[in-house]
Amino acid sequence: EQSLEEHLAQVERAAIEKALRDTNQNKTAAARELGITFRALRYKLEKLGIE
């Protein structure tokens, strides 16, 4: 069983990876699609180890 924090990270990772695929890896467009700032997306990418 995973913690709430682990579950949220997994959901966040899936949403970010989908947005990046949908926008052909365009981080600005992915942030817009997710409804967050580019800076917030950059932070989440680093936090989740996505590149």
PDB file of N, CA and C in Angstrom:
ATOM      1  N   GLU A   1       0.849  -1.178   0.000  1.00  0.00           N
ATOM      2  CA  GLU A   1       0.000   0.000   0.000  1.00  0.00           C
ATOM      3  C   GLU A   1       0.900   1.248   0.000  1.00  0.00           C
ATOM      4  N   GLN A   2       0.538   2.218  -0.803  1.00  0.00           N
ATOM      5  CA  GLN A   2       1.350   3.426  -0.886  1.00  0.00           C
ATOM      6  C   GLN A   2       0.731   4.580  -0.105  1.00  0.00           C
ATOM      7  N   SER A   3       1.591   5.500   0.289  1.00  0.00           N
ATOM      8  CA  SER A   3       1.121   6.657   1.050  1.00  0.00           C
ATOM      9  C   SER A   3       0.392   7.626   0.121  1.00  0.00           C
ATOM     10  N   LEU A   4      -0.303   8.557   0.719  1.00  0.00           N
ATOM     11  CA  LEU A   4      -1.001   9.583  -0.060  1.00  0.00           C
ATOM     12  C   LEU A   4       0.004  10.364  -0.909  1.00  0.00           C
ATOM     13  N   GLU A   5       1.145  10.714  -0.326  1.00  0.00           N
ATOM     14  CA  GLU A   5       2.162  11.467  -1.050  1.00  0.00           C
ATOM     15  C   GLU A   5       2.664  10.693  -2.274  1.00  0.00           C
ATOM     16  N   GLU A   6       2.880   9.409  -2.120  1.00  0.00           N
ATOM     17  CA  GLU A   6       3.332   8.579  -3.243  1.00  0.00           C
ATOM     18  C   GLU A   6       2.249   8.484  -4.319  1.00  0.00           C
ATOM     19  N   HIS A   7       1.010   8.336  -3.886  1.00  0.00           N
ATOM     20  CA  HIS A   7      -0.096   8.250  -4.837  1.00  0.00           C
ATOM     21  C   HIS A   7      -0.244   9.553  -5.624  1.00  0.00           C
ATOM     22  N   LEU A   8      -0.180  10.689  -4.923  1.00  0.00           N
ATOM     23  CA  LEU A   8      -0.293  11.981  -5.602  1.00  0.00           C
ATOM     24  C   LEU A   8       0.856  12.198  -6.581  1.00  0.00           C
ATOM     25  N   ALA A   9       2.052  11.802  -6.211  1.00  0.00           N
ATOM     26  CA  ALA A   9       3.210  11.930  -7.097  1.00  0.00           C
ATOM     27  C   ALA A   9       3.010  11.087  -8.357  1.00  0.00           C
ATOM     28  N   GLN A  10       2.447   9.901  -8.184  1.00  0.00           N
ATOM     29  CA  GLN A  10       2.194   9.018  -9.323  1.00  0.00           C
ATOM     30  C   GLN A  10       1.153   9.636 -10.272  1.00  0.00           C
ATOM     31  N   VAL A  11       0.090  10.198  -9.713  1.00  0.00           N
ATOM     32  CA  VAL A  11      -0.951  10.837 -10.522  1.00  0.00           C
ATOM     33  C   VAL A  11      -0.388  12.067 -11.238  1.00  0.00           C
ATOM     34  N   GLU A  12       0.388  12.861 -10.498  1.00  0.00           N
ATOM     35  CA  GLU A  12       1.001  14.064 -11.061  1.00  0.00           C
ATOM     36  C   GLU A  12       1.950  13.695 -12.206  1.00  0.00           C
ATOM     37  N   ARG A  13       2.771  12.673 -11.990  1.00  0.00           N
ATOM     38  CA  ARG A  13       3.707  12.218 -13.020  1.00  0.00           C
ATOM     39  C   ARG A  13       2.960  11.812 -14.290  1.00  0.00           C
ATOM     40  N   ALA A  14       1.897  11.045 -14.137  1.00  0.00           N
ATOM     41  CA  ALA A  14       1.129  10.581 -15.297  1.00  0.00           C
ATOM     42  C   ALA A  14       0.535  11.768 -16.063  1.00  0.00           C
ATOM     43  N   ALA A  15      -0.002  12.744 -15.353  1.00  0.00           N
ATOM     44  CA  ALA A  15      -0.607  13.913 -16.006  1.00  0.00           C
ATOM     45  C   ALA A  15       0.450  14.736 -16.738  1.00  0.00           C
ATOM     46  N   ILE A  16       1.600  14.909 -16.106  1.00  0.00           N
ATOM     47  CA  ILE A  16       2.677  15.692 -16.732  1.00  0.00           C
ATOM     48  C   ILE A  16       3.211  14.970 -17.958  1.00  0.00           C
ATOM     49  N   GLU A  17       3.451  13.674 -17.844  1.00  0.00           N
ATOM     50  CA  GLU A  17       3.967  12.915 -18.985  1.00  0.00           C
ATOM     51  C   GLU A  17       2.979  12.941 -20.151  1.00  0.00           C
ATOM     52  N   LYS A  18       1.690  12.850 -19.868  1.00  0.00           N
ATOM     53  CA  LYS A  18       0.678  12.916 -20.931  1.00  0.00           C
ATOM     54  C   LYS A  18       0.686  14.294 -21.581  1.00  0.00           C
ATOM     55  N   ALA A  19       0.737  15.348 -20.777  1.00  0.00           N
ATOM     56  CA  ALA A  19       0.755  16.711 -21.323  1.00  0.00           C
ATOM     57  C   ALA A  19       1.990  16.922 -22.196  1.00  0.00           C
ATOM     58  N   LEU A  20       3.122  16.399 -21.767  1.00  0.00           N
ATOM     59  CA  LEU A  20       4.341  16.534 -22.574  1.00  0.00           C
ATOM     60  C   LEU A  20       4.224  15.759 -23.886  1.00  0.00           C
ATOM     61  N   ARG A  21       3.646  14.569 -23.833  1.00  0.00           N
ATOM     62  CA  ARG A  21       3.423  13.804 -25.080  1.00  0.00           C
ATOM     63  C   ARG A  21       2.468  14.549 -26.008  1.00  0.00           C
ATOM     64  N   ASP A  22       1.375  15.053 -25.441  1.00  0.00           N
ATOM     65  CA  ASP A  22       0.354  15.750 -26.235  1.00  0.00           C
ATOM     66  C   ASP A  22       0.892  17.010 -26.898  1.00  0.00           C
ATOM     67  N   THR A  23       1.914  17.620 -26.289  1.00  0.00           N
ATOM     68  CA  THR A  23       2.458  18.882 -26.812  1.00  0.00           C
ATOM     69  C   THR A  23       3.817  18.687 -27.467  1.00  0.00           C
ATOM     70  N   ASN A  24       4.155  17.432 -27.779  1.00  0.00           N
ATOM     71  CA  ASN A  24       5.432  17.122 -28.425  1.00  0.00           C
ATOM     72  C   ASN A  24       6.614  17.663 -27.612  1.00  0.00           C
ATOM     73  N   GLN A  25       6.548  17.459 -26.299  1.00  0.00           N
ATOM     74  CA  GLN A  25       7.603  17.841 -25.351  1.00  0.00           C
ATOM     75  C   GLN A  25       7.762  19.359 -25.166  1.00  0.00           C
ATOM     76  N   ASN A  26       6.771  20.133 -25.600  1.00  0.00           N
ATOM     77  CA  ASN A  26       6.819  21.588 -25.434  1.00  0.00           C
ATOM     78  C   ASN A  26       6.366  21.914 -24.008  1.00  0.00           C
ATOM     79  N   LYS A  27       7.329  22.312 -23.175  1.00  0.00           N
ATOM     80  CA  LYS A  27       7.037  22.517 -21.753  1.00  0.00           C
ATOM     81  C   LYS A  27       6.106  23.701 -21.513  1.00  0.00           C
ATOM     82  N   THR A  28       6.240  24.752 -22.301  1.00  0.00           N
ATOM     83  CA  THR A  28       5.359  25.909 -22.139  1.00  0.00           C
ATOM     84  C   THR A  28       3.914  25.515 -22.439  1.00  0.00           C
ATOM     85  N   ALA A  29       3.714  24.798 -23.533  1.00  0.00           N
ATOM     86  CA  ALA A  29       2.372  24.356 -23.915  1.00  0.00           C
ATOM     87  C   ALA A  29       1.839  23.326 -22.910  1.00  0.00           C
ATOM     88  N   ALA A  30       2.706  22.460 -22.419  1.00  0.00           N
ATOM     89  CA  ALA A  30       2.287  21.447 -21.441  1.00  0.00           C
ATOM     90  C   ALA A  30       1.817  22.125 -20.157  1.00  0.00           C
ATOM     91  N   ALA A  31       2.555  23.131 -19.711  1.00  0.00           N
ATOM     92  CA  ALA A  31       2.149  23.865 -18.504  1.00  0.00           C
ATOM     93  C   ALA A  31       0.789  24.509 -18.715  1.00  0.00           C
ATOM     94  N   ARG A  32       0.596  25.105 -19.881  1.00  0.00           N
ATOM     95  CA  ARG A  32      -0.690  25.741 -20.193  1.00  0.00           C
ATOM     96  C   ARG A  32      -1.809  24.696 -20.164  1.00  0.00           C
ATOM     97  N   GLU A  33      -1.559  23.526 -20.769  1.00  0.00           N
ATOM     98  CA  GLU A  33      -2.560  22.456 -20.799  1.00  0.00           C
ATOM     99  C   GLU A  33      -2.901  21.975 -19.386  1.00  0.00           C
ATOM    100  N   LEU A  34      -1.901  21.965 -18.503  1.00  0.00           N
ATOM    101  CA  LEU A  34      -2.112  21.518 -17.127  1.00  0.00           C
ATOM    102  C   LEU A  34      -2.708  22.611 -16.236  1.00  0.00           C
ATOM    103  N   GLY A  35      -2.714  23.848 -16.736  1.00  0.00           N
ATOM    104  CA  GLY A  35      -3.264  24.953 -15.952  1.00  0.00           C
ATOM    105  C   GLY A  35      -2.317  25.435 -14.861  1.00  0.00           C
ATOM    106  N   ILE A  36      -1.006  25.254 -15.100  1.00  0.00           N
ATOM    107  CA  ILE A  36      -0.002  25.723 -14.141  1.00  0.00           C
ATOM    108  C   ILE A  36       1.003  26.600 -14.871  1.00  0.00           C
ATOM    109  N   THR A  37       1.825  27.304 -14.110  1.00  0.00           N
ATOM    110  CA  THR A  37       2.836  28.150 -14.731  1.00  0.00           C
ATOM    111  C   THR A  37       3.992  27.286 -15.220  1.00  0.00           C
ATOM    112  N   PHE A  38       4.768  27.844 -16.134  1.00  0.00           N
ATOM    113  CA  PHE A  38       5.955  27.156 -16.624  1.00  0.00           C
ATOM    114  C   PHE A  38       6.916  26.892 -15.462  1.00  0.00           C
ATOM    115  N   ARG A  39       7.039  27.870 -14.585  1.00  0.00           N
ATOM    116  CA  ARG A  39       7.928  27.728 -13.436  1.00  0.00           C
ATOM    117  C   ARG A  39       7.480  26.573 -12.528  1.00  0.00           C
ATOM    118  N   ALA A  40       6.176  26.453 -12.307  1.00  0.00           N
ATOM    119  CA  ALA A  40       5.653  25.353 -11.485  1.00  0.00           C
ATOM    120  C   ALA A  40       5.924  24.015 -12.157  1.00  0.00           C
ATOM    121  N   LEU A  41       5.775  23.961 -13.477  1.00  0.00           N
ATOM    122  CA  LEU A  41       6.052  22.719 -14.203  1.00  0.00           C
ATOM    123  C   LEU A  41       7.521  22.349 -14.069  1.00  0.00           C
ATOM    124  N   ARG A  42       8.399  23.329 -14.215  1.00  0.00           N
ATOM    125  CA  ARG A  42       9.837  23.075 -14.082  1.00  0.00           C
ATOM    126  C   ARG A  42      10.152  22.496 -12.703  1.00  0.00           C
ATOM    127  N   TYR A  43       9.542  23.054 -11.666  1.00  0.00           N
ATOM    128  CA  TYR A  43       9.741  22.555 -10.303  1.00  0.00           C
ATOM    129  C   TYR A  43       9.271  21.104 -10.184  1.00  0.00           C
ATOM    130  N   LYS A  44       8.092  20.815 -10.721  1.00  0.00           N
ATOM    131  CA  LYS A  44       7.538  19.465 -10.626  1.00  0.00           C
ATOM    132  C   LYS A  44       8.382  18.463 -11.416  1.00  0.00           C
ATOM    133  N   LEU A  45       8.897  18.865 -12.569  1.00  0.00           N
ATOM    134  CA  LEU A  45       9.748  17.990 -13.362  1.00  0.00           C
ATOM    135  C   LEU A  45      10.986  17.606 -12.568  1.00  0.00           C
ATOM    136  N   GLU A  46      11.579  18.580 -11.915  1.00  0.00           N
ATOM    137  CA  GLU A  46      12.772  18.324 -11.109  1.00  0.00           C
ATOM    138  C   GLU A  46      12.438  17.439  -9.903  1.00  0.00           C
ATOM    139  N   LYS A  47      11.348  17.772  -9.226  1.00  0.00           N
ATOM    140  CA  LYS A  47      10.930  17.031  -8.034  1.00  0.00           C
ATOM    141  C   LYS A  47      10.633  15.560  -8.357  1.00  0.00           C
ATOM    142  N   LEU A  48      10.003  15.332  -9.516  1.00  0.00           N
ATOM    143  CA  LEU A  48       9.610  13.974  -9.894  1.00  0.00           C
ATOM    144  C   LEU A  48      10.672  13.249 -10.721  1.00  0.00           C
ATOM    145  N   GLY A  49      11.748  13.948 -11.064  1.00  0.00           N
ATOM    146  CA  GLY A  49      12.819  13.333 -11.841  1.00  0.00           C
ATOM    147  C   GLY A  49      12.443  13.052 -13.286  1.00  0.00           C
ATOM    148  N   ILE A  50      11.639  13.923 -13.859  1.00  0.00           N
ATOM    149  CA  ILE A  50      11.210  13.778 -15.255  1.00  0.00           C
ATOM    150  C   ILE A  50      12.020  14.732 -16.109  1.00  0.00           C
ATOM    151  N   GLU A  51      12.482  14.256 -17.253  1.00  0.00           N
ATOM    152  CA  GLU A  51      13.166  15.160 -18.173  1.00  0.00           C
ATOM    153  C   GLU A  51      12.970  14.778 -19.605  1.00  0.00           C
TER     154      GLU A  51
END
